[in-house]
Protein backbone atom coordinates (compact mmCIF):
# COMPACT_ATOMS: atom_id res chain seq x y z
CA MET A 1 -72.98 -65.13 5.80
CA GLY A 2 -74.82 -62.89 8.09
CA PRO A 3 -78.16 -63.30 9.74
CA CYS A 4 -80.54 -65.73 8.18
CA TYR A 5 -84.36 -65.80 8.61
CA GLY A 6 -84.97 -69.36 8.15
CA THR A 7 -82.73 -72.15 7.30
CA LEU A 8 -79.65 -72.06 5.09
CA TYR A 9 -78.61 -75.41 3.31
CA ASP A 10 -75.51 -76.32 1.26
CA ARG A 11 -76.10 -78.86 -1.21
CA ARG A 12 -75.59 -79.80 -4.93
CA SER A 13 -79.25 -80.63 -5.58
CA MET A 14 -82.14 -78.16 -5.35
CA ASP A 15 -84.72 -79.91 -3.63
CA GLU A 16 -87.23 -77.09 -2.68
CA PRO A 17 -89.32 -75.48 -5.26
CA ARG A 18 -88.88 -71.78 -5.53
CA HIS A 19 -91.21 -69.78 -7.54
CA PHE A 20 -92.55 -66.14 -7.62
CA GLN A 21 -90.48 -63.82 -5.16
CA SER A 22 -87.29 -66.12 -5.26
CA THR A 23 -83.98 -65.13 -5.79
CA ALA A 24 -80.62 -66.46 -7.01
CA ALA A 25 -77.23 -64.83 -6.72
CA LEU A 26 -73.73 -65.70 -7.74
CA LEU A 27 -71.46 -65.68 -4.61
CA PRO A 28 -67.88 -64.68 -4.76
CA ASP A 29 -66.67 -68.40 -4.19
CA ALA A 30 -68.57 -69.27 -7.39
CA ARG A 31 -71.57 -71.05 -5.69
CA VAL A 32 -75.20 -69.74 -6.21
CA LEU A 33 -77.41 -68.89 -3.37
CA VAL A 34 -80.99 -69.57 -4.00
CA ALA A 35 -83.70 -68.33 -1.53
CA GLY A 36 -87.17 -67.55 -0.81
CA GLY A 37 -90.04 -67.93 -3.01
CA ALA A 38 -93.82 -68.28 -2.89
CA LEU A 39 -95.77 -71.55 -3.10
CA GLY A 40 -99.50 -72.13 -3.49
CA ALA A 41 -102.02 -72.09 -6.39
CA ASN A 42 -102.53 -68.35 -6.29
CA ILE A 43 -101.47 -65.62 -4.57
CA ASP A 44 -104.35 -65.82 -2.03
CA GLU A 45 -102.88 -69.19 -1.14
CA ALA A 46 -99.16 -68.41 -0.97
CA ARG A 47 -96.94 -69.41 1.44
CA PHE A 48 -93.51 -67.87 1.50
CA SER A 49 -90.52 -69.71 2.14
CA ALA A 50 -87.84 -68.55 4.55
CA THR A 51 -85.20 -70.74 3.71
CA GLY A 52 -82.12 -70.47 1.28
CA GLN A 53 -79.86 -73.23 -0.44
CA VAL A 54 -76.48 -72.90 -1.68
CA TYR A 55 -75.99 -74.76 -4.91
CA SER A 56 -72.46 -75.86 -5.58
CA PRO A 57 -72.14 -76.54 -9.31
CA SER A 58 -69.94 -79.50 -10.77
CA TYR A 59 -67.28 -77.08 -12.00
CA LEU A 60 -65.99 -76.58 -8.63
CA GLU A 61 -65.04 -80.23 -8.40
CA ARG A 62 -62.93 -80.36 -11.58
CA GLY A 63 -59.62 -79.64 -9.69
CA PRO A 64 -57.64 -76.89 -7.98
CA ARG A 65 -58.83 -73.28 -8.45
CA PRO A 66 -56.68 -70.49 -9.99
CA THR A 67 -56.01 -67.75 -7.56
CA ILE A 68 -56.08 -63.74 -7.87
CA ALA A 69 -53.42 -62.75 -5.55
CA GLY A 70 -54.18 -59.17 -6.41
CA ALA A 71 -56.38 -57.07 -8.54
CA PRO A 72 -57.55 -53.28 -8.69
CA LEU A 73 -60.74 -52.24 -6.57
CA THR A 74 -61.72 -50.14 -9.60
CA MET A 75 -61.47 -50.03 -13.19
CA ARG A 76 -62.02 -47.47 -15.88
CA TYR A 77 -63.28 -48.22 -19.50
CA GLY A 78 -60.45 -48.86 -21.78
CA GLN A 79 -57.98 -49.22 -19.02
CA ARG A 80 -55.02 -51.73 -19.02
CA PHE A 81 -54.49 -53.32 -15.71
CA THR A 82 -52.69 -56.16 -13.90
CA ILE A 83 -54.20 -59.15 -12.27
CA HIS A 84 -51.41 -60.68 -9.97
CA THR A 85 -51.64 -64.59 -10.13
CA PRO A 86 -49.21 -67.37 -9.61
CA ASP A 87 -51.52 -69.29 -12.37
CA ALA A 88 -51.27 -67.08 -15.12
CA ALA A 89 -49.85 -69.81 -17.48
CA GLU A 90 -53.11 -71.80 -16.89
CA VAL A 91 -55.70 -68.94 -17.24
CA THR A 92 -57.82 -69.29 -20.29
CA GLU A 93 -60.43 -66.65 -19.42
CA VAL A 94 -60.86 -63.57 -17.31
CA THR A 95 -64.36 -62.61 -16.65
CA LEU A 96 -66.68 -59.77 -15.09
CA ILE A 97 -69.94 -60.74 -13.64
CA ARG A 98 -72.23 -57.90 -12.46
CA LEU A 99 -73.59 -58.36 -9.20
CA SER A 100 -77.01 -59.74 -8.81
CA ALA A 101 -80.00 -57.40 -8.69
CA SER A 102 -83.00 -59.53 -8.87
CA THR A 103 -86.63 -58.92 -8.12
CA GLN A 104 -89.57 -61.37 -8.30
CA THR A 105 -87.36 -63.91 -9.96
CA TRP A 106 -86.12 -61.80 -12.78
CA ASN A 107 -82.64 -60.21 -13.02
CA GLY A 108 -82.57 -57.67 -15.82
CA SER A 109 -79.20 -56.38 -15.02
CA GLN A 110 -77.08 -59.59 -14.90
CA ARG A 111 -74.03 -59.15 -17.09
CA ARG A 112 -71.06 -61.23 -18.19
CA ALA A 113 -68.16 -59.88 -20.13
CA ARG A 114 -64.84 -61.79 -21.26
CA LEU A 115 -61.94 -59.52 -20.91
CA ALA A 116 -58.93 -59.60 -23.31
CA PHE A 117 -55.61 -60.66 -21.61
CA THR A 118 -52.02 -61.53 -21.95
CA ALA A 119 -49.94 -63.54 -19.68
CA VAL A 120 -47.06 -61.55 -18.17
CA SER A 121 -44.36 -62.19 -15.56
CA GLY A 122 -46.31 -62.57 -12.31
CA GLY A 123 -49.81 -62.14 -13.52
CA LEU A 124 -52.05 -61.14 -16.46
CA GLU A 125 -52.38 -57.88 -18.35
CA VAL A 126 -56.04 -57.10 -18.85
CA GLU A 127 -57.73 -54.81 -21.03
CA ALA A 128 -61.11 -53.40 -19.58
CA PRO A 129 -64.19 -53.26 -21.94
CA ARG A 130 -64.44 -49.94 -23.72
CA ASP A 131 -68.28 -49.96 -24.35
CA ARG A 132 -70.36 -48.90 -21.36
CA ASN A 133 -73.59 -50.24 -23.09
CA LEU A 134 -72.27 -53.87 -22.73
CA VAL A 135 -70.68 -53.32 -19.31
CA PRO A 136 -72.69 -50.53 -17.55
CA PRO A 137 -71.11 -48.62 -14.48
CA GLY A 138 -71.41 -50.46 -11.23
CA PHE A 139 -70.00 -53.35 -9.12
CA TYR A 140 -68.92 -56.65 -10.59
CA LEU A 141 -67.16 -59.80 -9.78
CA LEU A 142 -63.76 -60.54 -11.48
CA PHE A 143 -63.03 -64.13 -12.01
CA VAL A 144 -60.08 -66.11 -13.74
CA LEU A 145 -60.67 -69.42 -15.07
CA ASN A 146 -58.40 -72.37 -16.00
CA GLU A 147 -58.75 -74.47 -18.83
CA ARG A 148 -60.95 -77.08 -16.93
CA GLY A 149 -63.38 -74.16 -16.47
CA VAL A 150 -62.59 -73.89 -12.82
CA PRO A 151 -63.06 -70.28 -11.54
CA SER A 152 -60.94 -68.45 -9.05
CA ILE A 153 -62.49 -66.92 -6.04
CA GLY A 154 -64.31 -63.68 -7.30
CA ARG A 155 -62.81 -60.27 -6.57
CA ALA A 156 -65.20 -57.37 -6.22
CA LEU A 157 -64.48 -54.04 -8.32
CA ARG A 158 -66.28 -51.09 -9.46
CA VAL A 159 -66.34 -50.27 -13.28
CA HIS A 160 -66.66 -46.49 -13.69
CA GLY A 161 -65.85 -43.83 -16.43
CA GLU A 162 -64.44 -41.11 -14.22
CA GLY A 163 -60.81 -40.24 -14.03
C-alpha cells in the first residue's frame, strides 16, 4: 500500500472513532480502508487522526472467491464484452463500483451498477450499461460475485463514450 503517515491496522472491528474529515474507500480486494478523522468537541479542539484501518467484511469468510482471469481495461456504453473466468457457472452477479472520491466524510460520486450477463464457454458475456446518467464516465472496479456473495478481486476499468 504505499507510504502511510501514521499507523495502518488490519481488523474486522473498527475501534477508533472517525468523524469529520475521515474517509472510507473500497479496495480492489473488497476490503475497506477507513482513515483520518477529526476528534474533539468543536473545530477549535479538533485532533486529527493520522491512522487508518482496513476493515475485512464478513463476506470474505464465506468461502473461496471467484476469479477474473481477464477483462477489458475500457468499456463503452452498450458494448458487449467478455470476462474470462473459470468460475462462470458459479457467478450470480457482475458489478461495477465507481472508485471512491470522498471529501469530509461524504462521497457524492459512489455508484454501483449490476450488469446483465450470460455464461459462455470460458467466461461471461456482459452488456455494459447504456445510460451515462446512471453510470457516469470514469474509473470503476469490476467484480464478479458467487452465490454466497463472495466477490472476486476487483479489476479496474474505465467507462467512456468514445469510439
